[in-house]
Amino acid sequence: MTQPTHITVLSAGTWGITLACLLHSKGHAVRVWEFAQAVVDTLRAARRHPKLPGLAIPPDLELGTDMAALAKGADAIVCVVPAAHLRQTARALAQAGYAGQPVVVCTKGIEQGTHALPVDVVSQELGAAAAGKLAILSGPSHAEEVSVGMPTAVTVAAQDPALAERVRDLFMTPRFRVYTQTDIRGVELGGALKNVIAIACGISDGLGFGDNAKAGLITRGLSEMLRLGTALGTKPETFFGLAGVGDLVVTCMSRHSRNWKFGSLVGKGVPVEQALRDVGMVVEGYYTVRAAVELAAEKKVDMPITEAVAQVLFHGKAPSEAVTSLMLRDPKSETVR
């Protein structure tokens, strides 16, 4: 993918618009597809995203709702839709005439019901034309910071190392550093499961607990991520990289984290449905919790923090009771998974 490249970005949310503008700044010709016409109209008129006041959308960055027109002739597709809408969007791309271009998936989550990870969802919908053409980009990368040029490091994984390197070169800037690897499933799981632990950290903060509690949740949460990842055949070292501990720390600690904010509201006693509305953006971790609990049961993996979050969100357990249950679990060795 040599410059200039024609790129279609699927989704005009904060991360989609941020990546579109980053790619545009490198000289690429960028088009952005968005499902909602009202969102397109707002962005066209203001040339700003309401949640990213520091980012100006270039006048020649095209925005629209016609996927077939926007994807036609693209050299690469960047898919940034939430996990709940990923299959529908990938299916629409296939119907719009997907022509076998590389697809960079930036979705973080686990599909409800099927437990499919993002790259698998896209592969199933795009079929044989996408074989060897799919990559996942993930890591600690709040749009609020990337959009104003703050230094950020992420990772891209693809089965073919050469594809990962091509995607790296597509995105790399002096302020956006991209590493490469091949553990797609590990990168995907890290990006999904860290959101669940961030909700737990938010609940802890909402209850008024301190840094000790949060450090414990982050550390033991990482152990849960490793256990499930191992059961699903991932590389353990992936969870100690940018898509694992890197994304885990930033999502659990940052004021920009919607998952942490949601958990904090729940910890303060705000009803779950109201907390989801108050965040004002998709809280991926809320949807990942149930799938993660089901996957853990299927693989016979112990994930007590994840289970405690599920009890609070879906079964009415009081956050304070969930904390007590975690603290009173049977003693065990820290180094035994």
C-alpha atoms as a PDB file:
ATOM      1  CA  MET A   1       0.000   0.000   0.000  1.00  0.00           C
ATOM      2  CA  THR A   2       2.091   2.852  -1.271  1.00  0.00           C
ATOM      3  CA  GLN A   3       0.988   6.436  -0.848  1.00  0.00           C
ATOM      4  CA  PRO A   4      -1.307   7.925  -1.864  1.00  0.00           C
ATOM      5  CA  THR A   5      -3.841   5.216  -1.015  1.00  0.00           C
ATOM      6  CA  HIS A   6      -7.613   5.343  -1.243  1.00  0.00           C
ATOM      7  CA  ILE A   7      -9.011   4.250   2.108  1.00  0.00           C
ATOM      8  CA  THR A   8     -12.587   3.761   3.270  1.00  0.00           C
ATOM      9  CA  VAL A   9     -13.249   4.015   7.017  1.00  0.00           C
ATOM     10  CA  LEU A  10     -16.421   2.366   8.294  1.00  0.00           C
ATOM     11  CA  SER A  11     -17.912   4.433  11.167  1.00  0.00           C
ATOM     12  CA  ALA A  12     -17.821   8.125  11.964  1.00  0.00           C
ATOM     13  CA  GLY A  13     -17.583   7.645  15.719  1.00  0.00           C
ATOM     14  CA  THR A  14     -14.756   9.223  17.686  1.00  0.00           C
ATOM     15  CA  TRP A  15     -12.203   6.524  16.829  1.00  0.00           C
ATOM     16  CA  GLY A  16     -13.300   6.222  13.219  1.00  0.00           C
ATOM     17  CA  ILE A  17     -13.059   9.971  12.597  1.00  0.00           C
ATOM     18  CA  THR A  18      -9.746  10.157  14.433  1.00  0.00           C
ATOM     19  CA  LEU A  19      -8.202   7.400  12.318  1.00  0.00           C
ATOM     20  CA  ALA A  20      -9.687   8.883   9.151  1.00  0.00           C
ATOM     21  CA  CYS A  21      -8.062  12.238   9.884  1.00  0.00           C
ATOM     22  CA  LEU A  22      -4.765  10.571  10.821  1.00  0.00           C
ATOM     23  CA  LEU A  23      -4.729   8.693   7.517  1.00  0.00           C
ATOM     24  CA  HIS A  24      -5.684  11.870   5.634  1.00  0.00           C
ATOM     25  CA  SER A  25      -2.776  13.706   7.270  1.00  0.00           C
ATOM     26  CA  LYS A  26      -0.429  11.184   5.635  1.00  0.00           C
ATOM     27  CA  GLY A  27      -1.684  12.087   2.187  1.00  0.00           C
ATOM     28  CA  HIS A  28      -4.181   9.267   1.745  1.00  0.00           C
ATOM     29  CA  ALA A  29      -7.519   9.888   0.035  1.00  0.00           C
ATOM     30  CA  VAL A  30     -10.041   9.020   2.754  1.00  0.00           C
ATOM     31  CA  ARG A  31     -13.767   8.393   2.654  1.00  0.00           C
ATOM     32  CA  VAL A  32     -15.881   7.720   5.758  1.00  0.00           C
ATOM     33  CA  TRP A  33     -19.060   5.652   5.775  1.00  0.00           C
ATOM     34  CA  GLU A  34     -21.586   6.148   8.567  1.00  0.00           C
ATOM     35  CA  PHE A  35     -24.931   4.416   9.045  1.00  0.00           C
ATOM     36  CA  ALA A  36     -26.797   7.440  10.420  1.00  0.00           C
ATOM     37  CA  GLN A  37     -27.522  10.250   7.978  1.00  0.00           C
ATOM     38  CA  ALA A  38     -28.002  12.703  10.865  1.00  0.00           C
ATOM     39  CA  VAL A  39     -24.432  12.067  12.015  1.00  0.00           C
ATOM     40  CA  VAL A  40     -23.130  12.631   8.497  1.00  0.00           C
ATOM     41  CA  ASP A  41     -25.096  15.874   8.176  1.00  0.00           C
ATOM     42  CA  THR A  42     -23.721  17.175  11.487  1.00  0.00           C
ATOM     43  CA  LEU A  43     -20.115  16.350  10.613  1.00  0.00           C
ATOM     44  CA  ARG A  44     -20.391  17.788   7.116  1.00  0.00           C
ATOM     45  CA  ALA A  45     -21.782  21.048   8.450  1.00  0.00           C
ATOM     46  CA  ALA A  46     -19.476  21.525  11.434  1.00  0.00           C
ATOM     47  CA  ARG A  47     -16.342  19.711  10.177  1.00  0.00           C
ATOM     48  CA  ARG A  48     -15.894  18.801  13.849  1.00  0.00           C
ATOM     49  CA  HIS A  49     -16.955  15.819  15.919  1.00  0.00           C
ATOM     50  CA  PRO A  50     -18.925  17.012  18.966  1.00  0.00           C
ATOM     51  CA  LYS A  51     -16.803  14.871  21.300  1.00  0.00           C
ATOM     52  CA  LEU A  52     -13.478  15.838  19.688  1.00  0.00           C
ATOM     53  CA  PRO A  53     -13.382  19.647  19.703  1.00  0.00           C
ATOM     54  CA  GLY A  54      -9.648  19.745  18.974  1.00  0.00           C
ATOM     55  CA  LEU A  55      -9.913  17.832  15.695  1.00  0.00           C
ATOM     56  CA  ALA A  56     -10.761  19.607  12.441  1.00  0.00           C
ATOM     57  CA  ILE A  57     -12.193  17.352   9.729  1.00  0.00           C
ATOM     58  CA  PRO A  58     -10.487  18.284   6.432  1.00  0.00           C
ATOM     59  CA  PRO A  59     -12.829  19.709   3.792  1.00  0.00           C
ATOM     60  CA  ASP A  60     -11.838  17.044   1.240  1.00  0.00           C
ATOM     61  CA  LEU A  61     -12.474  14.123   3.604  1.00  0.00           C
ATOM     62  CA  GLU A  62     -15.650  12.625   2.161  1.00  0.00           C
ATOM     63  CA  LEU A  63     -18.513  11.526   4.440  1.00  0.00           C
ATOM     64  CA  GLY A  64     -21.612   9.590   3.431  1.00  0.00           C
ATOM     65  CA  THR A  65     -24.033   6.711   3.966  1.00  0.00           C
ATOM     66  CA  ASP A  66     -23.720   4.938   0.603  1.00  0.00           C
ATOM     67  CA  MET A  67     -21.342   2.092   1.348  1.00  0.00           C
ATOM     68  CA  ALA A  68     -21.127   0.841  -2.232  1.00  0.00           C
ATOM     69  CA  ALA A  69     -20.094   4.268  -3.527  1.00  0.00           C
ATOM     70  CA  LEU A  70     -17.669   4.963  -0.692  1.00  0.00           C
ATOM     71  CA  ALA A  71     -15.980   1.547  -0.797  1.00  0.00           C
ATOM     72  CA  LYS A  72     -15.671   1.410  -4.573  1.00  0.00           C
ATOM     73  CA  GLY A  73     -12.054   1.552  -5.674  1.00  0.00           C
ATOM     74  CA  ALA A  74     -10.708   1.559  -2.117  1.00  0.00           C
ATOM     75  CA  ASP A  75      -7.235   0.111  -1.621  1.00  0.00           C
ATOM     76  CA  ALA A  76      -7.994  -0.727   2.009  1.00  0.00           C
ATOM     77  CA  ILE A  77     -10.967  -0.799   4.371  1.00  0.00           C
ATOM     78  CA  VAL A  78     -10.713   0.269   8.023  1.00  0.00           C
ATOM     79  CA  CYS A  79     -13.618  -1.085  10.091  1.00  0.00           C
ATOM     80  CA  VAL A  80     -14.254   0.748  13.368  1.00  0.00           C
ATOM     81  CA  VAL A  81     -17.881  -0.150  14.171  1.00  0.00           C
ATOM     82  CA  PRO A  82     -18.925  -1.441  17.637  1.00  0.00           C
ATOM     83  CA  ALA A  83     -18.958  -5.203  18.098  1.00  0.00           C
ATOM     84  CA  ALA A  84     -22.755  -5.318  18.222  1.00  0.00           C
ATOM     85  CA  HIS A  85     -22.925  -3.907  14.668  1.00  0.00           C
ATOM     86  CA  LEU A  86     -19.874  -5.586  13.175  1.00  0.00           C
ATOM     87  CA  ARG A  87     -21.564  -8.552  11.491  1.00  0.00           C
ATOM     88  CA  GLN A  88     -24.277  -6.377   9.953  1.00  0.00           C
ATOM     89  CA  THR A  89     -21.666  -3.948   8.666  1.00  0.00           C
ATOM     90  CA  ALA A  90     -19.411  -6.674   7.255  1.00  0.00           C
ATOM     91  CA  ARG A  91     -22.422  -8.227   5.542  1.00  0.00           C
ATOM     92  CA  ALA A  92     -23.312  -4.841   4.040  1.00  0.00           C
ATOM     93  CA  LEU A  93     -19.731  -4.486   2.802  1.00  0.00           C
ATOM     94  CA  ALA A  94     -19.949  -7.886   1.118  1.00  0.00           C
ATOM     95  CA  GLN A  95     -23.220  -6.908  -0.526  1.00  0.00           C
ATOM     96  CA  ALA A  96     -21.719  -3.572  -1.611  1.00  0.00           C
ATOM     97  CA  GLY A  97     -19.170  -5.388  -3.737  1.00  0.00           C
ATOM     98  CA  TYR A  98     -16.187  -6.109  -1.488  1.00  0.00           C
ATOM     99  CA  ALA A  99     -13.296  -6.727  -3.857  1.00  0.00           C
ATOM    100  CA  GLY A 100     -10.707  -8.449  -1.681  1.00  0.00           C
ATOM    101  CA  GLN A 101      -8.978  -5.373  -0.273  1.00  0.00           C
ATOM    102  CA  PRO A 102      -7.107  -5.589   3.042  1.00  0.00           C
ATOM    103  CA  VAL A 103      -9.477  -4.955   5.942  1.00  0.00           C
ATOM    104  CA  VAL A 104      -8.115  -3.465   9.161  1.00  0.00           C
ATOM    105  CA  VAL A 105     -10.507  -4.317  12.004  1.00  0.00           C
ATOM    106  CA  CYS A 106     -10.442  -1.898  14.947  1.00  0.00           C
ATOM    107  CA  THR A 107     -13.447  -3.339  16.817  1.00  0.00           C
ATOM    108  CA  LYS A 108     -12.982  -4.468  20.426  1.00  0.00           C
ATOM    109  CA  GLY A 109     -15.436  -7.005  21.778  1.00  0.00           C
ATOM    110  CA  ILE A 110     -16.932 -10.491  21.592  1.00  0.00           C
ATOM    111  CA  GLU A 111     -20.075 -11.195  19.583  1.00  0.00           C
ATOM    112  CA  GLN A 112     -23.104 -12.072  21.682  1.00  0.00           C
ATOM    113  CA  GLY A 113     -24.379 -15.609  21.260  1.00  0.00           C
ATOM    114  CA  THR A 114     -21.671 -16.888  18.920  1.00  0.00           C
ATOM    115  CA  HIS A 115     -18.686 -15.746  21.035  1.00  0.00           C
ATOM    116  CA  ALA A 116     -16.942 -14.945  17.760  1.00  0.00           C
ATOM    117  CA  LEU A 117     -14.078 -12.462  17.857  1.00  0.00           C
ATOM    118  CA  PRO A 118     -14.050  -9.505  15.425  1.00  0.00           C
ATOM    119  CA  VAL A 119     -11.763 -10.885  12.722  1.00  0.00           C
ATOM    120  CA  ASP A 120     -13.740 -14.145  12.659  1.00  0.00           C
ATOM    121  CA  VAL A 121     -17.009 -12.211  12.261  1.00  0.00           C
ATOM    122  CA  VAL A 122     -15.621 -10.236   9.324  1.00  0.00           C
ATOM    123  CA  SER A 123     -14.098 -13.351   7.767  1.00  0.00           C
ATOM    124  CA  GLN A 124     -17.397 -15.224   7.946  1.00  0.00           C
ATOM    125  CA  GLU A 125     -19.283 -12.423   6.210  1.00  0.00           C
ATOM    126  CA  LEU A 126     -16.718 -11.522   3.544  1.00  0.00           C
ATOM    127  CA  GLY A 127     -15.909 -15.124   2.704  1.00  0.00           C
ATOM    128  CA  ALA A 128     -13.049 -16.446   0.577  1.00  0.00           C
ATOM    129  CA  ALA A 129     -12.299 -13.031  -0.918  1.00  0.00           C
ATOM    130  CA  ALA A 130     -10.967 -11.898   2.472  1.00  0.00           C
ATOM    131  CA  ALA A 131      -8.675 -14.875   3.057  1.00  0.00           C
ATOM    132  CA  GLY A 132      -5.275 -13.598   4.174  1.00  0.00           C
ATOM    133  CA  LYS A 133      -6.482  -9.992   3.948  1.00  0.00           C
ATOM    134  CA  LEU A 134      -7.615  -9.325   7.546  1.00  0.00           C
ATOM    135  CA  ALA A 135      -5.693  -7.539  10.304  1.00  0.00           C
ATOM    136  CA  ILE A 136      -6.589  -6.279  13.779  1.00  0.00           C
ATOM    137  CA  LEU A 137      -5.364  -2.939  15.155  1.00  0.00           C
ATOM    138  CA  SER A 138      -5.556  -2.472  18.922  1.00  0.00           C
ATOM    139  CA  GLY A 139      -3.810  -1.001  21.930  1.00  0.00           C
ATOM    140  CA  PRO A 140      -3.990   1.916  24.385  1.00  0.00           C
ATOM    141  CA  SER A 141      -5.373   4.586  22.092  1.00  0.00           C
ATOM    142  CA  HIS A 142      -8.013   6.995  23.341  1.00  0.00           C
ATOM    143  CA  ALA A 143      -9.353   9.017  20.423  1.00  0.00           C
ATOM    144  CA  GLU A 144      -9.313  12.131  22.581  1.00  0.00           C
ATOM    145  CA  GLU A 145      -5.512  11.972  22.725  1.00  0.00           C
ATOM    146  CA  VAL A 146      -4.721  10.652  19.257  1.00  0.00           C
ATOM    147  CA  SER A 147      -6.966  13.309  17.700  1.00  0.00           C
ATOM    148  CA  VAL A 148      -4.763  16.105  19.077  1.00  0.00           C
ATOM    149  CA  GLY A 149      -1.453  14.440  18.260  1.00  0.00           C
ATOM    150  CA  MET A 150      -0.453  13.028  21.633  1.00  0.00           C
ATOM    151  CA  PRO A 151       2.119  10.202  21.344  1.00  0.00           C
ATOM    152  CA  THR A 152       0.472   6.780  21.112  1.00  0.00           C
ATOM    153  CA  ALA A 153       1.700   3.226  20.512  1.00  0.00           C
ATOM    154  CA  VAL A 154      -0.511   0.409  19.226  1.00  0.00           C
ATOM    155  CA  THR A 155      -0.106  -3.022  17.671  1.00  0.00           C
ATOM    156  CA  VAL A 156      -1.410  -4.603  14.490  1.00  0.00           C
ATOM    157  CA  ALA A 157      -1.714  -8.358  14.087  1.00  0.00           C
ATOM    158  CA  ALA A 158      -2.199 -10.391  10.924  1.00  0.00           C
ATOM    159  CA  GLN A 159      -1.566 -14.007   9.989  1.00  0.00           C
ATOM    160  CA  ASP A 160       0.791 -12.808   7.277  1.00  0.00           C
ATOM    161  CA  PRO A 161       3.624 -10.719   8.753  1.00  0.00           C
ATOM    162  CA  ALA A 162       3.931  -8.886   5.441  1.00  0.00           C
ATOM    163  CA  LEU A 163       0.313  -7.700   5.709  1.00  0.00           C
ATOM    164  CA  ALA A 164       0.910  -6.519   9.279  1.00  0.00           C
ATOM    165  CA  GLU A 165       3.889  -4.519   8.032  1.00  0.00           C
ATOM    166  CA  ARG A 166       1.856  -2.985   5.208  1.00  0.00           C
ATOM    167  CA  VAL A 167      -0.836  -1.898   7.673  1.00  0.00           C
ATOM    168  CA  ARG A 168       1.848  -0.552   9.998  1.00  0.00           C
ATOM    169  CA  ASP A 169       3.215   1.604   7.213  1.00  0.00           C
ATOM    170  CA  LEU A 170      -0.289   2.794   6.364  1.00  0.00           C
ATOM    171  CA  PHE A 171      -0.862   4.215   9.853  1.00  0.00           C
ATOM    172  CA  MET A 172       2.579   5.030  11.251  1.00  0.00           C
ATOM    173  CA  THR A 173       3.328   8.691  12.010  1.00  0.00           C
ATOM    174  CA  PRO A 174       5.834  10.444  14.292  1.00  0.00           C
ATOM    175  CA  ARG A 175       3.048  10.534  16.923  1.00  0.00           C
ATOM    176  CA  PHE A 176       1.344   7.207  16.206  1.00  0.00           C
ATOM    177  CA  ARG A 177       3.746   4.289  16.523  1.00  0.00           C
ATOM    178  CA  VAL A 178       2.611   0.871  15.273  1.00  0.00           C
ATOM    179  CA  TYR A 179       4.167  -2.455  16.244  1.00  0.00           C
ATOM    180  CA  THR A 180       3.434  -5.742  14.450  1.00  0.00           C
ATOM    181  CA  GLN A 181       2.759  -9.345  15.414  1.00  0.00           C
ATOM    182  CA  THR A 182       0.781 -12.414  14.307  1.00  0.00           C
ATOM    183  CA  ASP A 183      -1.338 -13.369  17.361  1.00  0.00           C
ATOM    184  CA  ILE A 184      -4.684 -12.099  16.084  1.00  0.00           C
ATOM    185  CA  ARG A 185      -6.792 -13.889  18.706  1.00  0.00           C
ATOM    186  CA  GLY A 186      -4.604 -12.708  21.584  1.00  0.00           C
ATOM    187  CA  VAL A 187      -4.801  -9.097  20.424  1.00  0.00           C
ATOM    188  CA  GLU A 188      -8.575  -9.383  20.050  1.00  0.00           C
ATOM    189  CA  LEU A 189      -9.074 -10.936  23.487  1.00  0.00           C
ATOM    190  CA  GLY A 190      -6.892  -8.314  25.146  1.00  0.00           C
ATOM    191  CA  GLY A 191      -8.908  -5.519  23.553  1.00  0.00           C
ATOM    192  CA  ALA A 192     -12.206  -7.094  24.615  1.00  0.00           C
ATOM    193  CA  LEU A 193     -11.519  -8.347  28.134  1.00  0.00           C
ATOM    194  CA  LYS A 194      -9.722  -5.242  29.399  1.00  0.00           C
ATOM    195  CA  ASN A 195     -13.037  -3.381  29.135  1.00  0.00           C
ATOM    196  CA  VAL A 196     -14.606  -5.750  31.668  1.00  0.00           C
ATOM    197  CA  ILE A 197     -11.797  -5.149  34.154  1.00  0.00           C
ATOM    198  CA  ALA A 198     -12.122  -1.395  33.557  1.00  0.00           C
ATOM    199  CA  ILE A 199     -15.778  -1.594  34.591  1.00  0.00           C
ATOM    200  CA  ALA A 200     -14.674  -3.378  37.769  1.00  0.00           C
ATOM    201  CA  CYS A 201     -12.132  -0.618  38.460  1.00  0.00           C
ATOM    202  CA  GLY A 202     -14.794   2.014  37.868  1.00  0.00           C
ATOM    203  CA  ILE A 203     -17.131   0.299  40.311  1.00  0.00           C
ATOM    204  CA  SER A 204     -14.329   0.221  42.865  1.00  0.00           C
ATOM    205  CA  ASP A 205     -13.680   3.937  42.427  1.00  0.00           C
ATOM    206  CA  GLY A 206     -17.397   4.670  42.547  1.00  0.00           C
ATOM    207  CA  LEU A 207     -17.563   2.896  45.898  1.00  0.00           C
ATOM    208  CA  GLY A 208     -14.825   5.202  47.180  1.00  0.00           C
ATOM    209  CA  PHE A 209     -12.051   2.641  47.314  1.00  0.00           C
ATOM    210  CA  GLY A 210      -8.458   3.623  46.616  1.00  0.00           C
ATOM    211  CA  ASP A 211      -5.438   2.816  44.488  1.00  0.00           C
ATOM    212  CA  ASN A 212      -4.700  -0.410  46.360  1.00  0.00           C
ATOM    213  CA  ALA A 213      -8.010  -1.899  45.303  1.00  0.00           C
ATOM    214  CA  LYS A 214      -7.588  -0.760  41.709  1.00  0.00           C
ATOM    215  CA  ALA A 215      -4.065  -2.180  41.491  1.00  0.00           C
ATOM    216  CA  GLY A 216      -5.381  -5.507  42.760  1.00  0.00           C
ATOM    217  CA  LEU A 217      -8.170  -5.552  40.196  1.00  0.00           C
ATOM    218  CA  ILE A 218      -5.839  -4.683  37.326  1.00  0.00           C
ATOM    219  CA  THR A 219      -3.281  -7.319  38.310  1.00  0.00           C
ATOM    220  CA  ARG A 220      -5.738 -10.113  39.027  1.00  0.00           C
ATOM    221  CA  GLY A 221      -7.766  -9.057  36.006  1.00  0.00           C
ATOM    222  CA  LEU A 222      -4.703  -9.571  33.847  1.00  0.00           C
ATOM    223  CA  SER A 223      -4.441 -13.085  35.276  1.00  0.00           C
ATOM    224  CA  GLU A 224      -8.026 -13.754  34.187  1.00  0.00           C
ATOM    225  CA  MET A 225      -7.277 -12.481  30.697  1.00  0.00           C
ATOM    226  CA  LEU A 226      -4.227 -14.754  30.524  1.00  0.00           C
ATOM    227  CA  ARG A 227      -6.167 -17.807  31.684  1.00  0.00           C
ATOM    228  CA  LEU A 228      -8.891 -17.420  29.079  1.00  0.00           C
ATOM    229  CA  GLY A 229      -6.357 -16.524  26.406  1.00  0.00           C
ATOM    230  CA  THR A 230      -4.335 -19.638  27.157  1.00  0.00           C
ATOM    231  CA  ALA A 231      -7.478 -21.771  26.952  1.00  0.00           C
ATOM    232  CA  LEU A 232      -8.191 -20.284  23.523  1.00  0.00           C
ATOM    233  CA  GLY A 233      -4.694 -20.919  22.191  1.00  0.00           C
ATOM    234  CA  THR A 234      -3.223 -17.411  22.278  1.00  0.00           C
ATOM    235  CA  LYS A 235       0.371 -16.449  23.027  1.00  0.00           C
ATOM    236  CA  PRO A 236       0.825 -15.406  26.689  1.00  0.00           C
ATOM    237  CA  GLU A 237       3.302 -12.686  25.749  1.00  0.00           C
ATOM    238  CA  THR A 238       0.565 -10.869  23.821  1.00  0.00           C
ATOM    239  CA  PHE A 239      -1.159 -10.052  27.116  1.00  0.00           C
ATOM    240  CA  PHE A 240       1.997  -8.362  28.391  1.00  0.00           C
ATOM    241  CA  GLY A 241       2.107  -6.124  25.337  1.00  0.00           C
ATOM    242  CA  LEU A 242       0.205  -3.105  24.078  1.00  0.00           C
ATOM    243  CA  ALA A 243      -3.046  -4.928  23.354  1.00  0.00           C
ATOM    244  CA  GLY A 244      -2.959  -6.546  26.790  1.00  0.00           C
ATOM    245  CA  VAL A 245      -1.504  -4.787  29.796  1.00  0.00           C
ATOM    246  CA  GLY A 246      -1.066  -1.533  27.846  1.00  0.00           C
ATOM    247  CA  ASP A 247      -4.726  -1.230  26.927  1.00  0.00           C
ATOM    248  CA  LEU A 248      -5.757  -2.633  30.319  1.00  0.00           C
ATOM    249  CA  VAL A 249      -3.929   0.062  32.267  1.00  0.00           C
ATOM    250  CA  VAL A 250      -5.129   2.982  30.165  1.00  0.00           C
ATOM    251  CA  THR A 251      -8.743   1.810  30.171  1.00  0.00           C
ATOM    252  CA  CYS A 252      -8.772   1.236  33.916  1.00  0.00           C
ATOM    253  CA  MET A 253      -7.044   4.521  34.793  1.00  0.00           C
ATOM    254  CA  SER A 254      -7.996   7.159  32.248  1.00  0.00           C
ATOM    255  CA  ARG A 255     -10.650   9.851  32.555  1.00  0.00           C
ATOM    256  CA  HIS A 256     -11.368   9.220  28.864  1.00  0.00           C
ATOM    257  CA  SER A 257     -12.408   5.598  29.488  1.00  0.00           C
ATOM    258  CA  ARG A 258     -16.133   5.112  28.906  1.00  0.00           C
ATOM    259  CA  ASN A 259     -15.967   1.655  30.517  1.00  0.00           C
ATOM    260  CA  TRP A 260     -14.386   3.070  33.666  1.00  0.00           C
ATOM    261  CA  LYS A 261     -16.922   5.908  33.720  1.00  0.00           C
ATOM    262  CA  PHE A 262     -19.813   3.478  33.376  1.00  0.00           C
ATOM    263  CA  GLY A 263     -18.471   1.345  36.231  1.00  0.00           C
ATOM    264  CA  SER A 264     -17.953   4.419  38.390  1.00  0.00           C
ATOM    265  CA  LEU A 265     -21.573   5.464  37.928  1.00  0.00           C
ATOM    266  CA  VAL A 266     -22.759   1.966  38.827  1.00  0.00           C
ATOM    267  CA  GLY A 267     -20.510   1.970  41.897  1.00  0.00           C
ATOM    268  CA  LYS A 268     -22.112   5.246  42.986  1.00  0.00           C
ATOM    269  CA  GLY A 269     -25.546   3.660  42.837  1.00  0.00           C
ATOM    270  CA  VAL A 270     -26.724   4.810  39.400  1.00  0.00           C
ATOM    271  CA  PRO A 271     -28.974   2.118  37.829  1.00  0.00           C
ATOM    272  CA  VAL A 272     -27.240   0.210  35.040  1.00  0.00           C
ATOM    273  CA  GLU A 273     -29.515   1.389  32.217  1.00  0.00           C
ATOM    274  CA  GLN A 274     -29.227   4.987  33.361  1.00  0.00           C
ATOM    275  CA  ALA A 275     -25.444   4.697  33.609  1.00  0.00           C
ATOM    276  CA  LEU A 276     -25.296   3.438  30.024  1.00  0.00           C
ATOM    277  CA  ARG A 277     -27.289   6.472  28.880  1.00  0.00           C
ATOM    278  CA  ASP A 278     -25.209   8.874  30.946  1.00  0.00           C
ATOM    279  CA  VAL A 279     -21.948   7.745  29.336  1.00  0.00           C
ATOM    280  CA  GLY A 280     -23.346   8.787  25.958  1.00  0.00           C
ATOM    281  CA  MET A 281     -21.203   6.393  23.921  1.00  0.00           C
ATOM    282  CA  VAL A 282     -21.136   2.632  23.390  1.00  0.00           C
ATOM    283  CA  VAL A 283     -19.817   0.850  26.501  1.00  0.00           C
ATOM    284  CA  GLU A 284     -18.283  -2.205  24.857  1.00  0.00           C
ATOM    285  CA  GLY A 285     -17.436  -3.858  28.168  1.00  0.00           C
ATOM    286  CA  TYR A 286     -21.118  -4.070  29.128  1.00  0.00           C
ATOM    287  CA  TYR A 287     -21.761  -6.319  26.136  1.00  0.00           C
ATOM    288  CA  THR A 288     -18.519  -8.254  26.524  1.00  0.00           C
ATOM    289  CA  VAL A 289     -19.177  -9.317  30.129  1.00  0.00           C
ATOM    290  CA  ARG A 290     -21.882 -11.846  29.344  1.00  0.00           C
ATOM    291  CA  ALA A 291     -19.963 -13.400  26.460  1.00  0.00           C
ATOM    292  CA  ALA A 292     -16.794 -13.588  28.558  1.00  0.00           C
ATOM    293  CA  VAL A 293     -18.612 -15.364  31.398  1.00  0.00           C
ATOM    294  CA  GLU A 294     -20.110 -17.853  28.934  1.00  0.00           C
ATOM    295  CA  LEU A 295     -16.731 -18.461  27.292  1.00  0.00           C
ATOM    296  CA  ALA A 296     -15.102 -18.975  30.693  1.00  0.00           C
ATOM    297  CA  ALA A 297     -17.736 -21.542  31.649  1.00  0.00           C
ATOM    298  CA  GLU A 298     -17.347 -23.317  28.312  1.00  0.00           C
ATOM    299  CA  LYS A 299     -13.565 -23.515  28.707  1.00  0.00           C
ATOM    300  CA  LYS A 300     -13.718 -24.159  32.467  1.00  0.00           C
ATOM    301  CA  VAL A 301     -11.655 -21.059  33.219  1.00  0.00           C
ATOM    302  CA  ASP A 302     -11.876 -19.294  36.582  1.00  0.00           C
ATOM    303  CA  MET A 303     -12.677 -15.574  36.079  1.00  0.00           C
ATOM    304  CA  PRO A 304     -14.009 -14.298  39.412  1.00  0.00           C
ATOM    305  CA  ILE A 305     -13.718 -10.565  38.680  1.00  0.00           C
ATOM    306  CA  THR A 306     -15.540 -10.948  35.387  1.00  0.00           C
ATOM    307  CA  GLU A 307     -18.212 -13.064  37.081  1.00  0.00           C
ATOM    308  CA  ALA A 308     -18.601 -10.455  39.850  1.00  0.00           C
ATOM    309  CA  VAL A 309     -19.123  -7.700  37.266  1.00  0.00           C
ATOM    310  CA  ALA A 310     -21.765  -9.856  35.556  1.00  0.00           C
ATOM    311  CA  GLN A 311     -23.539 -10.380  38.872  1.00  0.00           C
ATOM    312  CA  VAL A 312     -23.718  -6.625  39.422  1.00  0.00           C
ATOM    313  CA  LEU A 313     -24.794  -5.705  35.882  1.00  0.00           C
ATOM    314  CA  PHE A 314     -27.236  -8.498  35.105  1.00  0.00           C
ATOM    315  CA  HIS A 315     -28.337 -10.105  38.373  1.00  0.00           C
ATOM    316  CA  GLY A 316     -28.881  -7.170  40.707  1.00  0.00           C
ATOM    317  CA  LYS A 317     -26.044  -7.878  43.110  1.00  0.00           C
ATOM    318  CA  ALA A 318     -24.989  -4.814  45.087  1.00  0.00           C
ATOM    319  CA  PRO A 319     -21.468  -3.635  44.124  1.00  0.00           C
ATOM    320  CA  SER A 320     -20.378  -3.684  47.785  1.00  0.00           C
ATOM    321  CA  GLU A 321     -21.526  -7.300  48.109  1.00  0.00           C
ATOM    322  CA  ALA A 322     -19.617  -8.241  44.969  1.00  0.00           C
ATOM    323  CA  VAL A 323     -16.435  -6.783  46.457  1.00  0.00           C
ATOM    324  CA  THR A 324     -16.939  -8.715  49.685  1.00  0.00           C
ATOM    325  CA  SER A 325     -17.448 -11.938  47.724  1.00  0.00           C
ATOM    326  CA  LEU A 326     -14.184 -11.387  45.874  1.00  0.00           C
ATOM    327  CA  MET A 327     -12.226 -10.616  49.036  1.00  0.00           C
ATOM    328  CA  LEU A 328     -13.569 -13.687  50.873  1.00  0.00           C
ATOM    329  CA  ARG A 329     -12.737 -16.237  48.191  1.00  0.00           C
ATOM    330  CA  ASP A 330     -10.665 -19.211  49.306  1.00  0.00           C
ATOM    331  CA  PRO A 331      -6.940 -18.407  49.677  1.00  0.00           C
ATOM    332  CA  LYS A 332      -4.693 -19.455  46.786  1.00  0.00           C
ATOM    333  CA  SER A 333      -1.185 -19.050  45.445  1.00  0.00           C
ATOM    334  CA  GLU A 334      -0.656 -15.944  43.339  1.00  0.00           C
ATOM    335  CA  THR A 335       1.506 -17.793  40.840  1.00  0.00           C
ATOM    336  CA  VAL A 336      -0.929 -20.658  40.149  1.00  0.00           C
ATOM    337  CA  ARG A 337      -3.311 -19.809  37.317  1.00  0.00           C
END
